[in-house]
Amino acid sequence: GLVQAGGSLRLSCAASGRTFNTYAMGWFR
């Protein structure tokens, strides 16, 4: 979203798959 400097955001990423607990996960921009 759009926020002012100093603000906060919480991004989420929901993944499919039965073995999510074996995935390494990363965030890139």
mmCIF file of all heavy atoms, coordinates in Angstrom:
data_MODEL
# 
_entry.id   MODEL 
# 
loop_
_atom_site.group_PDB 
_atom_site.id 
_atom_site.type_symbol 
_atom_site.label_atom_id 
_atom_site.label_alt_id 
_atom_site.label_comp_id 
_atom_site.label_asym_id 
_atom_site.label_entity_id 
_atom_site.label_seq_id 
_atom_site.pdbx_PDB_ins_code 
_atom_site.Cartn_x 
_atom_site.Cartn_y 
_atom_site.Cartn_z 
_atom_site.occupancy 
_atom_site.B_iso_or_equiv 
_atom_site.pdbx_formal_charge 
_atom_site.auth_seq_id 
_atom_site.auth_comp_id 
_atom_site.auth_asym_id 
_atom_site.auth_atom_id 
_atom_site.pdbx_PDB_model_num 
ATOM 1   N N   . GLY A 1 1  ? 0.811  -1.200  0.000  1.00 0.00 ? 1  GLY A N   1 
ATOM 2   C CA  . GLY A 1 1  ? 0.000  0.000   0.000  1.00 0.00 ? 1  GLY A CA  1 
ATOM 3   C C   . GLY A 1 1  ? 0.845  1.251   0.000  1.00 0.00 ? 1  GLY A C   1 
ATOM 4   O O   . GLY A 1 1  ? 2.067  1.192   -0.176 1.00 0.00 ? 1  GLY A O   1 
ATOM 5   N N   . LEU A 1 2  ? 0.180  2.374   0.188  1.00 0.00 ? 2  LEU A N   1 
ATOM 6   C CA  . LEU A 1 2  ? 0.842  3.682   0.242  1.00 0.00 ? 2  LEU A CA  1 
ATOM 7   C C   . LEU A 1 2  ? 0.879  4.147   1.689  1.00 0.00 ? 2  LEU A C   1 
ATOM 8   O O   . LEU A 1 2  ? -0.162 4.217   2.351  1.00 0.00 ? 2  LEU A O   1 
ATOM 9   C CB  . LEU A 1 2  ? 0.079  4.685   -0.622 1.00 0.00 ? 2  LEU A CB  1 
ATOM 10  C CG  . LEU A 1 2  ? 0.541  6.140   -0.552 1.00 0.00 ? 2  LEU A CG  1 
ATOM 11  C CD1 . LEU A 1 2  ? 1.970  6.262   -1.070 1.00 0.00 ? 2  LEU A CD1 1 
ATOM 12  C CD2 . LEU A 1 2  ? -0.404 7.043   -1.334 1.00 0.00 ? 2  LEU A CD2 1 
ATOM 13  N N   . VAL A 1 3  ? 2.093  4.442   2.166  1.00 0.00 ? 3  VAL A N   1 
ATOM 14  C CA  . VAL A 1 3  ? 2.265  4.923   3.529  1.00 0.00 ? 3  VAL A CA  1 
ATOM 15  C C   . VAL A 1 3  ? 3.221  6.111   3.530  1.00 0.00 ? 3  VAL A C   1 
ATOM 16  O O   . VAL A 1 3  ? 4.002  6.287   2.596  1.00 0.00 ? 3  VAL A O   1 
ATOM 17  C CB  . VAL A 1 3  ? 2.798  3.822   4.470  1.00 0.00 ? 3  VAL A CB  1 
ATOM 18  C CG1 . VAL A 1 3  ? 1.811  2.694   4.594  1.00 0.00 ? 3  VAL A CG1 1 
ATOM 19  C CG2 . VAL A 1 3  ? 4.161  3.334   4.010  1.00 0.00 ? 3  VAL A CG2 1 
ATOM 20  N N   . GLN A 1 4  ? 3.159  6.873   4.574  1.00 0.00 ? 4  GLN A N   1 
ATOM 21  C CA  . GLN A 1 4  ? 4.108  7.970   4.747  1.00 0.00 ? 4  GLN A CA  1 
ATOM 22  C C   . GLN A 1 4  ? 5.402  7.432   5.336  1.00 0.00 ? 4  GLN A C   1 
ATOM 23  O O   . GLN A 1 4  ? 5.417  6.385   6.002  1.00 0.00 ? 4  GLN A O   1 
ATOM 24  C CB  . GLN A 1 4  ? 3.530  9.035   5.660  1.00 0.00 ? 4  GLN A CB  1 
ATOM 25  C CG  . GLN A 1 4  ? 2.383  9.809   5.050  1.00 0.00 ? 4  GLN A CG  1 
ATOM 26  C CD  . GLN A 1 4  ? 1.922  10.955  5.934  1.00 0.00 ? 4  GLN A CD  1 
ATOM 27  O OE1 . GLN A 1 4  ? 2.043  10.912  7.156  1.00 0.00 ? 4  GLN A OE1 1 
ATOM 28  N NE2 . GLN A 1 4  ? 1.386  11.996  5.304  1.00 0.00 ? 4  GLN A NE2 1 
ATOM 29  N N   . ALA A 1 5  ? 6.469  8.146   5.094  1.00 0.00 ? 5  ALA A N   1 
ATOM 30  C CA  . ALA A 1 5  ? 7.749  7.772   5.686  1.00 0.00 ? 5  ALA A CA  1 
ATOM 31  C C   . ALA A 1 5  ? 7.603  7.665   7.200  1.00 0.00 ? 5  ALA A C   1 
ATOM 32  O O   . ALA A 1 5  ? 6.942  8.497   7.833  1.00 0.00 ? 5  ALA A O   1 
ATOM 33  C CB  . ALA A 1 5  ? 8.811  8.808   5.332  1.00 0.00 ? 5  ALA A CB  1 
ATOM 34  N N   . GLY A 1 6  ? 8.207  6.603   7.744  1.00 0.00 ? 6  GLY A N   1 
ATOM 35  C CA  . GLY A 1 6  ? 8.086  6.340   9.165  1.00 0.00 ? 6  GLY A CA  1 
ATOM 36  C C   . GLY A 1 6  ? 6.980  5.368   9.514  1.00 0.00 ? 6  GLY A C   1 
ATOM 37  O O   . GLY A 1 6  ? 6.907  4.892   10.653 1.00 0.00 ? 6  GLY A O   1 
ATOM 38  N N   . GLY A 1 7  ? 6.129  5.097   8.559  1.00 0.00 ? 7  GLY A N   1 
ATOM 39  C CA  . GLY A 1 7  ? 5.023  4.180   8.789  1.00 0.00 ? 7  GLY A CA  1 
ATOM 40  C C   . GLY A 1 7  ? 5.440  2.725   8.699  1.00 0.00 ? 7  GLY A C   1 
ATOM 41  O O   . GLY A 1 7  ? 6.621  2.396   8.502  1.00 0.00 ? 7  GLY A O   1 
ATOM 42  N N   . SER A 1 8  ? 4.450  1.847   8.843  1.00 0.00 ? 8  SER A N   1 
ATOM 43  C CA  . SER A 1 8  ? 4.698  0.399   8.852  1.00 0.00 ? 8  SER A CA  1 
ATOM 44  C C   . SER A 1 8  ? 3.738  -0.314  7.921  1.00 0.00 ? 8  SER A C   1 
ATOM 45  O O   . SER A 1 8  ? 2.626  0.162   7.673  1.00 0.00 ? 8  SER A O   1 
ATOM 46  C CB  . SER A 1 8  ? 4.523  -0.156  10.272 1.00 0.00 ? 8  SER A CB  1 
ATOM 47  O OG  . SER A 1 8  ? 5.451  0.415   11.170 1.00 0.00 ? 8  SER A OG  1 
ATOM 48  N N   . LEU A 1 9  ? 4.193  -1.448  7.429  1.00 0.00 ? 9  LEU A N   1 
ATOM 49  C CA  . LEU A 1 9  ? 3.358  -2.354  6.653  1.00 0.00 ? 9  LEU A CA  1 
ATOM 50  C C   . LEU A 1 9  ? 3.729  -3.778  7.005  1.00 0.00 ? 9  LEU A C   1 
ATOM 51  O O   . LEU A 1 9  ? 4.891  -4.071  7.330  1.00 0.00 ? 9  LEU A O   1 
ATOM 52  C CB  . LEU A 1 9  ? 3.557  -2.145  5.159  1.00 0.00 ? 9  LEU A CB  1 
ATOM 53  C CG  . LEU A 1 9  ? 2.915  -0.931  4.501  1.00 0.00 ? 9  LEU A CG  1 
ATOM 54  C CD1 . LEU A 1 9  ? 3.356  -0.823  3.043  1.00 0.00 ? 9  LEU A CD1 1 
ATOM 55  C CD2 . LEU A 1 9  ? 1.394  -0.997  4.569  1.00 0.00 ? 9  LEU A CD2 1 
ATOM 56  N N   . ARG A 1 10 ? 2.766  -4.661  6.899  1.00 0.00 ? 10 ARG A N   1 
ATOM 57  C CA  . ARG A 1 10 ? 3.019  -6.095  7.070  1.00 0.00 ? 10 ARG A CA  1 
ATOM 58  C C   . ARG A 1 10 ? 2.593  -6.800  5.800  1.00 0.00 ? 10 ARG A C   1 
ATOM 59  O O   . ARG A 1 10 ? 1.401  -6.839  5.480  1.00 0.00 ? 10 ARG A O   1 
ATOM 60  C CB  . ARG A 1 10 ? 2.248  -6.655  8.251  1.00 0.00 ? 10 ARG A CB  1 
ATOM 61  C CG  . ARG A 1 10 ? 2.602  -8.093  8.594  1.00 0.00 ? 10 ARG A CG  1 
ATOM 62  C CD  . ARG A 1 10 ? 1.576  -8.701  9.517  1.00 0.00 ? 10 ARG A CD  1 
ATOM 63  N NE  . ARG A 1 10 ? 2.052  -9.920  10.152 1.00 0.00 ? 10 ARG A NE  1 
ATOM 64  C CZ  . ARG A 1 10 ? 1.231  -10.844 10.663 1.00 0.00 ? 10 ARG A CZ  1 
ATOM 65  N NH1 . ARG A 1 10 ? -0.070 -10.669 10.602 1.00 0.00 ? 10 ARG A NH1 1 
ATOM 66  N NH2 . ARG A 1 10 ? 1.738  -11.914 11.230 1.00 0.00 ? 10 ARG A NH2 1 
ATOM 67  N N   . LEU A 1 11 ? 3.554  -7.322  5.095  1.00 0.00 ? 11 LEU A N   1 
ATOM 68  C CA  . LEU A 1 11 ? 3.278  -8.069  3.883  1.00 0.00 ? 11 LEU A CA  1 
ATOM 69  C C   . LEU A 1 11 ? 3.065  -9.532  4.233  1.00 0.00 ? 11 LEU A C   1 
ATOM 70  O O   . LEU A 1 11 ? 3.714  -10.075 5.131  1.00 0.00 ? 11 LEU A O   1 
ATOM 71  C CB  . LEU A 1 11 ? 4.428  -7.942  2.886  1.00 0.00 ? 11 LEU A CB  1 
ATOM 72  C CG  . LEU A 1 11 ? 4.879  -6.516  2.531  1.00 0.00 ? 11 LEU A CG  1 
ATOM 73  C CD1 . LEU A 1 11 ? 5.959  -6.567  1.441  1.00 0.00 ? 11 LEU A CD1 1 
ATOM 74  C CD2 . LEU A 1 11 ? 3.716  -5.652  2.117  1.00 0.00 ? 11 LEU A CD2 1 
ATOM 75  N N   . SER A 1 12 ? 2.173  -10.179 3.489  1.00 0.00 ? 12 SER A N   1 
ATOM 76  C CA  . SER A 1 12 ? 1.923  -11.605 3.656  1.00 0.00 ? 12 SER A CA  1 
ATOM 77  C C   . SER A 1 12 ? 2.089  -12.298 2.326  1.00 0.00 ? 12 SER A C   1 
ATOM 78  O O   . SER A 1 12 ? 1.846  -11.710 1.269  1.00 0.00 ? 12 SER A O   1 
ATOM 79  C CB  . SER A 1 12 ? 0.499  -11.844 4.176  1.00 0.00 ? 12 SER A CB  1 
ATOM 80  O OG  . SER A 1 12 ? 0.294  -11.240 5.420  1.00 0.00 ? 12 SER A OG  1 
ATOM 81  N N   . CYS A 1 13 ? 2.474  -13.549 2.392  1.00 0.00 ? 13 CYS A N   1 
ATOM 82  C CA  . CYS A 1 13 ? 2.598  -14.375 1.192  1.00 0.00 ? 13 CYS A CA  1 
ATOM 83  C C   . CYS A 1 13 ? 2.048  -15.753 1.526  1.00 0.00 ? 13 CYS A C   1 
ATOM 84  O O   . CYS A 1 13 ? 2.635  -16.475 2.330  1.00 0.00 ? 13 CYS A O   1 
ATOM 85  C CB  . CYS A 1 13 ? 4.046  -14.452 0.757  1.00 0.00 ? 13 CYS A CB  1 
ATOM 86  S SG  . CYS A 1 13 ? 4.349  -15.604 -0.599 1.00 0.00 ? 13 CYS A SG  1 
ATOM 87  N N   . ALA A 1 14 ? 0.937  -16.085 0.908  1.00 0.00 ? 14 ALA A N   1 
ATOM 88  C CA  . ALA A 1 14 ? 0.319  -17.389 1.116  1.00 0.00 ? 14 ALA A CA  1 
ATOM 89  C C   . ALA A 1 14 ? 0.731  -18.322 -0.015 1.00 0.00 ? 14 ALA A C   1 
ATOM 90  O O   . ALA A 1 14 ? 0.594  -17.977 -1.196 1.00 0.00 ? 14 ALA A O   1 
ATOM 91  C CB  . ALA A 1 14 ? -1.192 -17.245 1.154  1.00 0.00 ? 14 ALA A CB  1 
ATOM 92  N N   . ALA A 1 15 ? 1.217  -19.491 0.343  1.00 0.00 ? 15 ALA A N   1 
ATOM 93  C CA  . ALA A 1 15 ? 1.733  -20.443 -0.640 1.00 0.00 ? 15 ALA A CA  1 
ATOM 94  C C   . ALA A 1 15 ? 0.897  -21.708 -0.650 1.00 0.00 ? 15 ALA A C   1 
ATOM 95  O O   . ALA A 1 15 ? 0.343  -22.118 0.375  1.00 0.00 ? 15 ALA A O   1 
ATOM 96  C CB  . ALA A 1 15 ? 3.180  -20.779 -0.329 1.00 0.00 ? 15 ALA A CB  1 
ATOM 97  N N   . SER A 1 16 ? 0.823  -22.324 -1.816 1.00 0.00 ? 16 SER A N   1 
ATOM 98  C CA  . SER A 1 16 ? 0.141  -23.614 -1.926 1.00 0.00 ? 16 SER A CA  1 
ATOM 99  C C   . SER A 1 16 ? 1.149  -24.718 -1.648 1.00 0.00 ? 16 SER A C   1 
ATOM 100 O O   . SER A 1 16 ? 2.350  -24.483 -1.535 1.00 0.00 ? 16 SER A O   1 
ATOM 101 C CB  . SER A 1 16 ? -0.466 -23.770 -3.317 1.00 0.00 ? 16 SER A CB  1 
ATOM 102 O OG  . SER A 1 16 ? 0.569  -23.835 -4.286 1.00 0.00 ? 16 SER A OG  1 
ATOM 103 N N   . GLY A 1 17 ? 0.629  -25.939 -1.563 1.00 0.00 ? 17 GLY A N   1 
ATOM 104 C CA  . GLY A 1 17 ? 1.526  -27.073 -1.389 1.00 0.00 ? 17 GLY A CA  1 
ATOM 105 C C   . GLY A 1 17 ? 1.434  -27.689 -0.020 1.00 0.00 ? 17 GLY A C   1 
ATOM 106 O O   . GLY A 1 17 ? 1.199  -26.999 0.975  1.00 0.00 ? 17 GLY A O   1 
ATOM 107 N N   . ARG A 1 18 ? 1.634  -28.998 0.015  1.00 0.00 ? 18 ARG A N   1 
ATOM 108 C CA  . ARG A 1 18 ? 1.516  -29.745 1.262  1.00 0.00 ? 18 ARG A CA  1 
ATOM 109 C C   . ARG A 1 18 ? 2.804  -29.749 2.071  1.00 0.00 ? 18 ARG A C   1 
ATOM 110 O O   . ARG A 1 18 ? 2.802  -30.160 3.227  1.00 0.00 ? 18 ARG A O   1 
ATOM 111 C CB  . ARG A 1 18 ? 1.120  -31.191 0.955  1.00 0.00 ? 18 ARG A CB  1 
ATOM 112 C CG  . ARG A 1 18 ? -0.205 -31.337 0.251  1.00 0.00 ? 18 ARG A CG  1 
ATOM 113 C CD  . ARG A 1 18 ? -0.504 -32.808 -0.039 1.00 0.00 ? 18 ARG A CD  1 
ATOM 114 N NE  . ARG A 1 18 ? -1.760 -32.973 -0.751 1.00 0.00 ? 18 ARG A NE  1 
ATOM 115 C CZ  . ARG A 1 18 ? -2.229 -34.140 -1.147 1.00 0.00 ? 18 ARG A CZ  1 
ATOM 116 N NH1 . ARG A 1 18 ? -1.553 -35.241 -0.873 1.00 0.00 ? 18 ARG A NH1 1 
ATOM 117 N NH2 . ARG A 1 18 ? -3.369 -34.213 -1.812 1.00 0.00 ? 18 ARG A NH2 1 
ATOM 118 N N   . THR A 1 19 ? 3.879  -29.323 1.430  1.00 0.00 ? 19 THR A N   1 
ATOM 119 C CA  . THR A 1 19 ? 5.179  -29.401 2.090  1.00 0.00 ? 19 THR A CA  1 
ATOM 120 C C   . THR A 1 19 ? 5.787  -28.029 2.294  1.00 0.00 ? 19 THR A C   1 
ATOM 121 O O   . THR A 1 19 ? 7.005  -27.849 2.160  1.00 0.00 ? 19 THR A O   1 
ATOM 122 C CB  . THR A 1 19 ? 6.134  -30.292 1.278  1.00 0.00 ? 19 THR A CB  1 
ATOM 123 O OG1 . THR A 1 19 ? 6.254  -29.760 -0.056 1.00 0.00 ? 19 THR A OG1 1 
ATOM 124 C CG2 . THR A 1 19 ? 5.638  -31.719 1.234  1.00 0.00 ? 19 THR A CG2 1 
ATOM 125 N N   . PHE A 1 20 ? 4.950  -27.053 2.620  1.00 0.00 ? 20 PHE A N   1 
ATOM 126 C CA  . PHE A 1 20 ? 5.438  -25.687 2.825  1.00 0.00 ? 20 PHE A CA  1 
ATOM 127 C C   . PHE A 1 20 ? 6.539  -25.656 3.861  1.00 0.00 ? 20 PHE A C   1 
ATOM 128 O O   . PHE A 1 20 ? 7.456  -24.840 3.781  1.00 0.00 ? 20 PHE A O   1 
ATOM 129 C CB  . PHE A 1 20 ? 4.276  -24.793 3.252  1.00 0.00 ? 20 PHE A CB  1 
ATOM 130 C CG  . PHE A 1 20 ? 4.663  -23.373 3.527  1.00 0.00 ? 20 PHE A CG  1 
ATOM 131 C CD1 . PHE A 1 20 ? 4.883  -22.480 2.482  1.00 0.00 ? 20 PHE A CD1 1 
ATOM 132 C CD2 . PHE A 1 20 ? 4.801  -22.910 4.827  1.00 0.00 ? 20 PHE A CD2 1 
ATOM 133 C CE1 . PHE A 1 20 ? 5.237  -21.160 2.735  1.00 0.00 ? 20 PHE A CE1 1 
ATOM 134 C CE2 . PHE A 1 20 ? 5.155  -21.599 5.094  1.00 0.00 ? 20 PHE A CE2 1 
ATOM 135 C CZ  . PHE A 1 20 ? 5.371  -20.716 4.039  1.00 0.00 ? 20 PHE A CZ  1 
ATOM 136 N N   . ASN A 1 21 ? 6.487  -26.562 4.837  1.00 0.00 ? 21 ASN A N   1 
ATOM 137 C CA  . ASN A 1 21 ? 7.479  -26.542 5.896  1.00 0.00 ? 21 ASN A CA  1 
ATOM 138 C C   . ASN A 1 21 ? 8.860  -26.999 5.438  1.00 0.00 ? 21 ASN A C   1 
ATOM 139 O O   . ASN A 1 21 ? 9.796  -27.021 6.233  1.00 0.00 ? 21 ASN A O   1 
ATOM 140 C CB  . ASN A 1 21 ? 7.011  -27.374 7.093  1.00 0.00 ? 21 ASN A CB  1 
ATOM 141 C CG  . ASN A 1 21 ? 6.799  -28.822 6.731  1.00 0.00 ? 21 ASN A CG  1 
ATOM 142 O OD1 . ASN A 1 21 ? 6.882  -29.208 5.570  1.00 0.00 ? 21 ASN A OD1 1 
ATOM 143 N ND2 . ASN A 1 21 ? 6.529  -29.641 7.723  1.00 0.00 ? 21 ASN A ND2 1 
ATOM 144 N N   . THR A 1 22 ? 8.997  -27.355 4.169  1.00 0.00 ? 22 THR A N   1 
ATOM 145 C CA  . THR A 1 22 ? 10.316 -27.679 3.609  1.00 0.00 ? 22 THR A CA  1 
ATOM 146 C C   . THR A 1 22 ? 10.823 -26.575 2.691  1.00 0.00 ? 22 THR A C   1 
ATOM 147 O O   . THR A 1 22 ? 11.922 -26.677 2.161  1.00 0.00 ? 22 THR A O   1 
ATOM 148 C CB  . THR A 1 22 ? 10.304 -28.990 2.805  1.00 0.00 ? 22 THR A CB  1 
ATOM 149 O OG1 . THR A 1 22 ? 9.515  -28.790 1.610  1.00 0.00 ? 22 THR A OG1 1 
ATOM 150 C CG2 . THR A 1 22 ? 9.712  -30.135 3.623  1.00 0.00 ? 22 THR A CG2 1 
ATOM 151 N N   . TYR A 1 23 ? 10.039 -25.504 2.510  1.00 0.00 ? 23 TYR A N   1 
ATOM 152 C CA  . TYR A 1 23 ? 10.439 -24.438 1.600  1.00 0.00 ? 23 TYR A CA  1 
ATOM 153 C C   . TYR A 1 23 ? 11.260 -23.388 2.320  1.00 0.00 ? 23 TYR A C   1 
ATOM 154 O O   . TYR A 1 23 ? 10.821 -22.844 3.342  1.00 0.00 ? 23 TYR A O   1 
ATOM 155 C CB  . TYR A 1 23 ? 9.232  -23.706 1.005  1.00 0.00 ? 23 TYR A CB  1 
ATOM 156 C CG  . TYR A 1 23 ? 8.186  -24.527 0.289  1.00 0.00 ? 23 TYR A CG  1 
ATOM 157 C CD1 . TYR A 1 23 ? 6.950  -23.962 -0.009 1.00 0.00 ? 23 TYR A CD1 1 
ATOM 158 C CD2 . TYR A 1 23 ? 8.414  -25.839 -0.089 1.00 0.00 ? 23 TYR A CD2 1 
ATOM 159 C CE1 . TYR A 1 23 ? 5.970  -24.678 -0.667 1.00 0.00 ? 23 TYR A CE1 1 
ATOM 160 C CE2 . TYR A 1 23 ? 7.434  -26.565 -0.749 1.00 0.00 ? 23 TYR A CE2 1 
ATOM 161 C CZ  . TYR A 1 23 ? 6.211  -25.985 -1.028 1.00 0.00 ? 23 TYR A CZ  1 
ATOM 162 O OH  . TYR A 1 23 ? 5.247  -26.701 -1.680 1.00 0.00 ? 23 TYR A OH  1 
ATOM 163 N N   . ALA A 1 24 ? 12.382 -23.011 1.767  1.00 0.00 ? 24 ALA A N   1 
ATOM 164 C CA  . ALA A 1 24 ? 13.009 -21.763 2.165  1.00 0.00 ? 24 ALA A CA  1 
ATOM 165 C C   . ALA A 1 24 ? 12.229 -20.642 1.483  1.00 0.00 ? 24 ALA A C   1 
ATOM 166 O O   . ALA A 1 24 ? 11.814 -20.787 0.326  1.00 0.00 ? 24 ALA A O   1 
ATOM 167 C CB  . ALA A 1 24 ? 14.468 -21.724 1.730  1.00 0.00 ? 24 ALA A CB  1 
ATOM 168 N N   . MET A 1 25 ? 12.029 -19.541 2.183  1.00 0.00 ? 25 MET A N   1 
ATOM 169 C CA  . MET A 1 25 ? 11.225 -18.452 1.636  1.00 0.00 ? 25 MET A CA  1 
ATOM 170 C C   . MET A 1 25 ? 12.022 -17.147 1.655  1.00 0.00 ? 25 MET A C   1 
ATOM 171 O O   . MET A 1 25 ? 12.762 -16.875 2.601  1.00 0.00 ? 25 MET A O   1 
ATOM 172 C CB  . MET A 1 25 ? 9.951  -18.273 2.446  1.00 0.00 ? 25 MET A CB  1 
ATOM 173 C CG  . MET A 1 25 ? 9.026  -19.482 2.442  1.00 0.00 ? 25 MET A CG  1 
ATOM 174 S SD  . MET A 1 25 ? 8.359  -19.863 0.810  1.00 0.00 ? 25 MET A SD  1 
ATOM 175 C CE  . MET A 1 25 ? 7.359  -18.401 0.509  1.00 0.00 ? 25 MET A CE  1 
ATOM 176 N N   . GLY A 1 26 ? 11.818 -16.367 0.605  1.00 0.00 ? 26 GLY A N   1 
ATOM 177 C CA  . GLY A 1 26 ? 12.512 -15.088 0.538  1.00 0.00 ? 26 GLY A CA  1 
ATOM 178 C C   . GLY A 1 26 ? 11.590 -13.975 0.073  1.00 0.00 ? 26 GLY A C   1 
ATOM 179 O O   . GLY A 1 26 ? 10.555 -14.220 -0.536 1.00 0.00 ? 26 GLY A O   1 
ATOM 180 N N   . TRP A 1 27 ? 11.988 -12.751 0.401  1.00 0.00 ? 27 TRP A N   1 
ATOM 181 C CA  . TRP A 1 27 ? 11.330 -11.561 -0.127 1.00 0.00 ? 27 TRP A CA  1 
ATOM 182 C C   . TRP A 1 27 ? 12.359 -10.772 -0.929 1.00 0.00 ? 27 TRP A C   1 
ATOM 183 O O   . TRP A 1 27 ? 13.495 -10.540 -0.474 1.00 0.00 ? 27 TRP A O   1 
ATOM 184 C CB  . TRP A 1 27 ? 10.805 -10.678 1.006  1.00 0.00 ? 27 TRP A CB  1 
ATOM 185 C CG  . TRP A 1 27 ? 9.557  -11.175 1.669  1.00 0.00 ? 27 TRP A CG  1 
ATOM 186 C CD1 . TRP A 1 27 ? 9.466  -11.907 2.817  1.00 0.00 ? 27 TRP A CD1 1 
ATOM 187 C CD2 . TRP A 1 27 ? 8.216  -10.969 1.223  1.00 0.00 ? 27 TRP A CD2 1 
ATOM 188 N NE1 . TRP A 1 27 ? 8.157  -12.178 3.108  1.00 0.00 ? 27 TRP A NE1 1 
ATOM 189 C CE2 . TRP A 1 27 ? 7.355  -11.597 2.153  1.00 0.00 ? 27 TRP A CE2 1 
ATOM 190 C CE3 . TRP A 1 27 ? 7.633  -10.303 0.136  1.00 0.00 ? 27 TRP A CE3 1 
ATOM 191 C CZ2 . TRP A 1 27 ? 5.965  -11.589 2.027  1.00 0.00 ? 27 TRP A CZ2 1 
ATOM 192 C CZ3 . TRP A 1 27 ? 6.261  -10.284 0.001  1.00 0.00 ? 27 TRP A CZ3 1 
ATOM 193 C CH2 . TRP A 1 27 ? 5.435  -10.925 0.944  1.00 0.00 ? 27 TRP A CH2 1 
ATOM 194 N N   . PHE A 1 28 ? 11.954 -10.381 -2.109 1.00 0.00 ? 28 PHE A N   1 
ATOM 195 C CA  . PHE A 1 28 ? 12.770 -9.558  -2.990 1.00 0.00 ? 28 PHE A CA  1 
ATOM 196 C C   . PHE A 1 28 ? 11.934 -8.370  -3.437 1.00 0.00 ? 28 PHE A C   1 
ATOM 197 O O   . PHE A 1 28 ? 10.711 -8.413  -3.392 1.00 0.00 ? 28 PHE A O   1 
ATOM 198 C CB  . PHE A 1 28 ? 13.229 -10.359 -4.214 1.00 0.00 ? 28 PHE A CB  1 
ATOM 199 C CG  . PHE A 1 28 ? 14.201 -11.469 -3.893 1.00 0.00 ? 28 PHE A CG  1 
ATOM 200 C CD1 . PHE A 1 28 ? 13.754 -12.666 -3.370 1.00 0.00 ? 28 PHE A CD1 1 
ATOM 201 C CD2 . PHE A 1 28 ? 15.555 -11.305 -4.120 1.00 0.00 ? 28 PHE A CD2 1 
ATOM 202 C CE1 . PHE A 1 28 ? 14.644 -13.696 -3.060 1.00 0.00 ? 28 PHE A CE1 1 
ATOM 203 C CE2 . PHE A 1 28 ? 16.459 -12.320 -3.831 1.00 0.00 ? 28 PHE A CE2 1 
ATOM 204 C CZ  . PHE A 1 28 ? 16.000 -13.511 -3.299 1.00 0.00 ? 28 PHE A CZ  1 
ATOM 205 N N   . ARG A 1 29 ? 12.607 -7.331  -3.887 1.00 0.00 ? 29 ARG A N   1 
ATOM 206 C CA  . ARG A 1 29 ? 11.872 -6.162  -4.380 1.00 0.00 ? 29 ARG A CA  1 
ATOM 207 C C   . ARG A 1 29 ? 12.499 -5.665  -5.672 1.00 0.00 ? 29 ARG A C   1 
ATOM 208 O O   . ARG A 1 29 ? 13.677 -5.925  -5.949 1.00 0.00 ? 29 ARG A O   1 
ATOM 209 C CB  . ARG A 1 29 ? 11.846 -5.057  -3.338 1.00 0.00 ? 29 ARG A CB  1 
ATOM 210 C CG  . ARG A 1 29 ? 13.192 -4.464  -2.996 1.00 0.00 ? 29 ARG A CG  1 
ATOM 211 C CD  . ARG A 1 29 ? 13.064 -3.534  -1.781 1.00 0.00 ? 29 ARG A CD  1 
ATOM 212 N NE  . ARG A 1 29 ? 14.330 -2.869  -1.455 1.00 0.00 ? 29 ARG A NE  1 
ATOM 213 C CZ  . ARG A 1 29 ? 14.525 -2.142  -0.361 1.00 0.00 ? 29 ARG A CZ  1 
ATOM 214 N NH1 . ARG A 1 29 ? 13.540 -1.981  0.533  1.00 0.00 ? 29 ARG A NH1 1 
ATOM 215 N NH2 . ARG A 1 29 ? 15.700 -1.573  -0.156 1.00 0.00 ? 29 ARG A NH2 1 
# 
